[in-house]
C-alpha atoms as a PDB file:
ATOM      1  CA  MET A   1      29.796  93.080  48.030  1.00  0.00           C
ATOM      2  CA  ALA A   2      29.476  96.858  47.675  1.00  0.00           C
ATOM      3  CA  ASN A   3      32.320  98.801  46.063  1.00  0.00           C
ATOM      4  CA  ALA A   4      34.534 100.367  48.672  1.00  0.00           C
ATOM      5  CA  ASN A   5      35.647 103.045  46.276  1.00  0.00           C
ATOM      6  CA  PRO A   6      32.694 105.287  45.264  1.00  0.00           C
ATOM      7  CA  ASN A   7      34.767 107.153  42.469  1.00  0.00           C
ATOM      8  CA  SER A   8      36.291 104.107  40.906  1.00  0.00           C
ATOM      9  CA  ALA A   9      34.011 104.289  37.821  1.00  0.00           C
ATOM     10  CA  ARG A  10      35.081 107.884  37.254  1.00  0.00           C
ATOM     11  CA  GLU A  11      38.726 106.936  37.692  1.00  0.00           C
ATOM     12  CA  ARG A  12      38.320 104.057  35.221  1.00  0.00           C
ATOM     13  CA  LEU A  13      36.835 106.538  32.744  1.00  0.00           C
ATOM     14  CA  VAL A  14      39.888 108.892  33.223  1.00  0.00           C
ATOM     15  CA  ASN A  15      42.185 105.915  32.766  1.00  0.00           C
ATOM     16  CA  LEU A  16      40.432 104.833  29.625  1.00  0.00           C
ATOM     17  CA  ALA A  17      40.614 108.328  28.198  1.00  0.00           C
ATOM     18  CA  ALA A  18      44.358 108.501  28.833  1.00  0.00           C
ATOM     19  CA  VAL A  19      44.870 105.148  27.143  1.00  0.00           C
ATOM     20  CA  GLY A  20      42.664 106.230  24.233  1.00  0.00           C
ATOM     21  CA  LEU A  21      44.708 109.430  23.713  1.00  0.00           C
ATOM     22  CA  ALA A  22      47.943 107.433  23.890  1.00  0.00           C
ATOM     23  CA  VAL A  23      46.576 105.032  21.306  1.00  0.00           C
ATOM     24  CA  ALA A  24      45.444 107.987  19.117  1.00  0.00           C
ATOM     25  CA  LEU A  25      49.038 109.408  19.329  1.00  0.00           C
ATOM     26  CA  ALA A  26      50.454 106.040  18.196  1.00  0.00           C
ATOM     27  CA  LEU A  27      47.953 105.450  15.388  1.00  0.00           C
ATOM     28  CA  THR A  28      47.570 108.922  13.878  1.00  0.00           C
ATOM     29  CA  PRO A  29      50.637 108.611  11.566  1.00  0.00           C
ATOM     30  CA  SER A  30      49.070 105.451  10.170  1.00  0.00           C
ATOM     31  CA  PHE A  31      45.670 107.126   9.289  1.00  0.00           C
ATOM     32  CA  VAL A  32      46.806 110.677   8.648  1.00  0.00           C
ATOM     33  CA  VAL A  33      49.830 109.599   6.541  1.00  0.00           C
ATOM     34  CA  PRO A  34      52.798 111.922   6.634  1.00  0.00           C
ATOM     35  CA  CYS A  35      55.104 112.607   3.664  1.00  0.00           C
ATOM     36  CA  SER A  36      56.609 109.567   1.975  1.00  0.00           C
ATOM     37  CA  HIS A  37      59.098 111.574  -0.086  1.00  0.00           C
ATOM     38  CA  ALA A  38      62.811 110.870   0.042  1.00  0.00           C
ATOM     39  CA  ILE A  39      65.857 113.108  -0.323  1.00  0.00           C
ATOM     40  CA  THR A  40      68.561 112.181  -2.778  1.00  0.00           C
ATOM     41  CA  ALA A  41      72.052 112.607  -1.111  1.00  0.00           C
ATOM     42  CA  PHE A  42      75.175 113.739  -2.972  1.00  0.00           C
ATOM     43  CA  GLY A  43      76.273 110.139  -3.539  1.00  0.00           C
ATOM     44  CA  GLY A  44      72.941 109.278  -5.149  1.00  0.00           C
ATOM     45  CA  ALA A  45      71.583 107.378  -2.135  1.00  0.00           C
ATOM     46  CA  SER A  46      67.941 107.968  -1.201  1.00  0.00           C
ATOM     47  CA  MET A  47      67.305 108.969   2.454  1.00  0.00           C
ATOM     48  CA  PRO A  48      64.003 109.557   4.281  1.00  0.00           C
ATOM     49  CA  MET A  49      63.027 113.190   5.061  1.00  0.00           C
ATOM     50  CA  ARG A  50      63.185 114.700   8.544  1.00  0.00           C
ATOM     51  CA  CYS A  51      59.505 113.993   9.252  1.00  0.00           C
ATOM     52  CA  HIS A  52      60.106 110.293   8.808  1.00  0.00           C
ATOM     53  CA  TRP A  53      62.441 110.333  11.861  1.00  0.00           C
ATOM     54  CA  THR A  54      60.158 112.673  13.703  1.00  0.00           C
ATOM     55  CA  PHE A  55      57.157 110.276  13.495  1.00  0.00           C
ATOM     56  CA  LYS A  56      59.461 107.308  14.470  1.00  0.00           C
ATOM     57  CA  VAL A  57      60.321 109.104  17.662  1.00  0.00           C
ATOM     58  CA  GLU A  58      56.732 110.197  18.127  1.00  0.00           C
ATOM     59  CA  ARG A  59      55.613 106.611  18.072  1.00  0.00           C
ATOM     60  CA  LEU A  60      58.109 105.725  20.786  1.00  0.00           C
ATOM     61  CA  LEU A  61      56.789 108.603  22.901  1.00  0.00           C
ATOM     62  CA  ALA A  62      53.315 107.324  22.222  1.00  0.00           C
ATOM     63  CA  ALA A  63      54.309 103.855  23.429  1.00  0.00           C
ATOM     64  CA  ALA A  64      55.695 105.358  26.642  1.00  0.00           C
ATOM     65  CA  ALA A  65      52.509 107.329  27.099  1.00  0.00           C
ATOM     66  CA  LEU A  66      50.492 104.111  26.648  1.00  0.00           C
ATOM     67  CA  ILE A  67      52.533 102.424  29.359  1.00  0.00           C
ATOM     68  CA  ALA A  68      52.182 105.467  31.682  1.00  0.00           C
ATOM     69  CA  SER A  69      48.399 105.715  31.046  1.00  0.00           C
ATOM     70  CA  ALA A  70      47.970 101.943  31.490  1.00  0.00           C
ATOM     71  CA  SER A  71      49.812 102.228  34.819  1.00  0.00           C
ATOM     72  CA  LEU A  72      46.837 104.377  36.031  1.00  0.00           C
ATOM     73  CA  PHE A  73      44.807 101.109  36.316  1.00  0.00           C
ATOM     74  CA  ALA A  74      47.314  99.658  38.717  1.00  0.00           C
ATOM     75  CA  ALA A  75      47.799 102.839  40.759  1.00  0.00           C
ATOM     76  CA  ARG A  76      46.538 102.189  44.169  1.00  0.00           C
ATOM     77  CA  HIS A  77      47.664 105.487  45.813  1.00  0.00           C
ATOM     78  CA  ALA A  78      47.039 109.073  44.974  1.00  0.00           C
ATOM     79  CA  GLU A  79      50.798 109.754  44.619  1.00  0.00           C
ATOM     80  CA  ALA A  80      51.163 107.074  42.030  1.00  0.00           C
ATOM     81  CA  ARG A  81      48.328 108.580  39.980  1.00  0.00           C
ATOM     82  CA  ARG A  82      49.983 112.091  40.347  1.00  0.00           C
ATOM     83  CA  ALA A  83      53.311 110.598  39.189  1.00  0.00           C
ATOM     84  CA  ALA A  84      51.661 109.072  36.114  1.00  0.00           C
ATOM     85  CA  GLY A  85      49.960 112.446  35.372  1.00  0.00           C
ATOM     86  CA  ARG A  86      53.390 114.235  35.510  1.00  0.00           C
ATOM     87  CA  THR A  87      54.841 111.608  33.187  1.00  0.00           C
ATOM     88  CA  LEU A  88      51.972 112.101  30.756  1.00  0.00           C
ATOM     89  CA  VAL A  89      52.502 115.874  30.755  1.00  0.00           C
ATOM     90  CA  LEU A  90      56.199 115.305  30.107  1.00  0.00           C
ATOM     91  CA  LEU A  91      55.568 112.899  27.256  1.00  0.00           C
ATOM     92  CA  ALA A  92      52.988 115.314  25.646  1.00  0.00           C
ATOM     93  CA  ALA A  93      55.503 118.095  25.888  1.00  0.00           C
ATOM     94  CA  LEU A  94      58.101 115.895  24.138  1.00  0.00           C
ATOM     95  CA  VAL A  95      55.632 115.172  21.270  1.00  0.00           C
ATOM     96  CA  PHE A  96      55.384 118.945  20.698  1.00  0.00           C
ATOM     97  CA  ALA A  97      59.144 119.401  20.972  1.00  0.00           C
ATOM     98  CA  VAL A  98      60.146 116.631  18.548  1.00  0.00           C
ATOM     99  CA  THR A  99      57.951 118.240  15.817  1.00  0.00           C
ATOM    100  CA  GLN A 100      59.478 121.716  16.210  1.00  0.00           C
ATOM    101  CA  GLU A 101      62.305 123.050  14.036  1.00  0.00           C
ATOM    102  CA  TRP A 102      64.685 123.065  17.084  1.00  0.00           C
ATOM    103  CA  GLY A 103      63.644 119.418  17.621  1.00  0.00           C
ATOM    104  CA  ILE A 104      63.849 116.946  14.776  1.00  0.00           C
ATOM    105  CA  GLY A 105      61.314 119.010  12.911  1.00  0.00           C
ATOM    106  CA  LEU A 106      59.037 118.515   9.837  1.00  0.00           C
ATOM    107  CA  CYS A 107      59.496 119.203   6.172  1.00  0.00           C
ATOM    108  CA  GLY A 108      60.207 122.713   5.120  1.00  0.00           C
ATOM    109  CA  SER A 109      57.030 123.202   3.049  1.00  0.00           C
ATOM    110  CA  PRO A 110      53.861 123.798   5.042  1.00  0.00           C
ATOM    111  CA  GLU A 111      51.869 122.163   2.233  1.00  0.00           C
ATOM    112  CA  MET A 112      53.520 118.717   2.948  1.00  0.00           C
ATOM    113  CA  ALA A 113      51.281 116.082   4.497  1.00  0.00           C
ATOM    114  CA  CYS A 114      53.464 115.848   7.592  1.00  0.00           C
ATOM    115  CA  HIS A 115      52.243 119.252   8.830  1.00  0.00           C
ATOM    116  CA  ARG A 116      48.634 117.948   8.758  1.00  0.00           C
ATOM    117  CA  THR A 117      49.657 114.869  10.693  1.00  0.00           C
ATOM    118  CA  ALA A 118      51.578 117.017  13.187  1.00  0.00           C
ATOM    119  CA  HIS A 119      48.426 119.112  13.784  1.00  0.00           C
ATOM    120  CA  TRP A 120      46.493 115.960  14.858  1.00  0.00           C
ATOM    121  CA  LEU A 121      49.350 114.867  17.047  1.00  0.00           C
ATOM    122  CA  TRP A 122      49.371 118.295  18.739  1.00  0.00           C
ATOM    123  CA  LEU A 123      45.662 117.972  19.443  1.00  0.00           C
ATOM    124  CA  TRP A 124      46.065 114.509  21.067  1.00  0.00           C
ATOM    125  CA  ALA A 125      49.168 115.632  22.973  1.00  0.00           C
ATOM    126  CA  ALA A 126      47.375 118.759  24.249  1.00  0.00           C
ATOM    127  CA  LEU A 127      44.423 116.693  25.471  1.00  0.00           C
ATOM    128  CA  LEU A 128      46.831 114.137  27.061  1.00  0.00           C
ATOM    129  CA  ALA A 129      48.726 116.955  28.732  1.00  0.00           C
ATOM    130  CA  ALA A 130      45.551 118.508  30.071  1.00  0.00           C
ATOM    131  CA  GLU A 131      44.529 115.178  31.489  1.00  0.00           C
ATOM    132  CA  GLY A 132      47.978 114.529  32.872  1.00  0.00           C
ATOM    133  CA  LEU A 133      47.991 118.023  34.462  1.00  0.00           C
ATOM    134  CA  ALA A 134      44.575 117.388  36.097  1.00  0.00           C
ATOM    135  CA  LEU A 135      45.916 114.112  37.477  1.00  0.00           C
ATOM    136  CA  ALA A 136      49.141 115.692  38.630  1.00  0.00           C
ATOM    137  CA  LEU A 137      47.394 118.568  40.463  1.00  0.00           C
ATOM    138  CA  THR A 138      44.780 116.340  42.142  1.00  0.00           C
ATOM    139  CA  ARG A 139      45.178 116.829  45.895  1.00  0.00           C
ATOM    140  CA  LYS A 140      42.952 114.072  47.140  1.00  0.00           C
ATOM    141  CA  SER A 141      42.112 111.163  44.972  1.00  0.00           C
ATOM    142  CA  SER A 142      39.701 108.354  45.621  1.00  0.00           C
ATOM    143  CA  ALA A 143      42.626 105.969  44.902  1.00  0.00           C
ATOM    144  CA  ALA A 144      43.890 107.129  48.357  1.00  0.00           C
ATOM    145  CA  GLN A 145      40.661 105.682  49.879  1.00  0.00           C
ATOM    146  CA  ALA A 146      41.088 102.316  48.129  1.00  0.00           C
ATOM    147  CA  PRO A 147      41.214  99.281  50.364  1.00  0.00           C
ATOM    148  CA  ALA A 148      44.696  98.489  51.586  1.00  0.00           C
ATOM    149  CA  ASP A 149      46.786  96.056  49.701  1.00  0.00           C
ATOM    150  CA  PRO A 150      46.587  92.677  51.484  1.00  0.00           C
ATOM    151  CA  TRP A 151      50.410  92.172  51.125  1.00  0.00           C
ATOM    152  CA  GLU A 152      51.069  95.509  52.779  1.00  0.00           C
ATOM    153  CA  VAL A 153      48.607  94.645  55.602  1.00  0.00           C
ATOM    154  CA  ALA A 154      50.203  91.295  56.165  1.00  0.00           C
ATOM    155  CA  GLY A 155      53.688  92.810  56.287  1.00  0.00           C
ATOM    156  CA  SER A 156      52.666  95.504  58.748  1.00  0.00           C
ATOM    157  CA  THR A 157      51.074  93.009  61.196  1.00  0.00           C
ATOM    158  CA  GLU A 158      54.179  90.863  61.102  1.00  0.00           C
ATOM    159  CA  ARG A 159      56.318  93.861  61.906  1.00  0.00           C
ATOM    160  CA  SER A 160      54.128  94.877  64.728  1.00  0.00           C
ATOM    161  CA  ALA A 161      53.973  91.426  66.229  1.00  0.00           C
ATOM    162  CA  ALA A 162      57.801  91.103  66.306  1.00  0.00           C
ATOM    163  CA  PRO A 163      59.335  91.759  69.709  1.00  0.00           C
END
């Protein structure tokens, strides 16, 4: 049976790229390890530095981006793909925001390892935002030409047959 959706291979490639970027966001702090220093509080207790909390929040944002990008595989309508794209743009912006001084921030010294990690995160977030923006601004998607959902078709025929 021929594929009814001629652009589905291209859309799958876009979906895989979004998932890949979300995975890169999640795994970067594991491979480009941020600071592991601790701050000694007044009472003598040891506390993690600001960047520790920044990267914990960043991983949560990456998990949300992974869910949003994986939802592209289930998106049957163009509006669902545009909504997922807007969500990816928002999550990428939040990755940028959380690393800024007015967000949670990074360590004060630019020589600390967390700054190098943040630069990689910014790269992945920028690419994810660009892809999300492209999805969000797409006027006509091949997902709109996808075959109708059999459950929706069955529901519409039952409603039209009713007196």
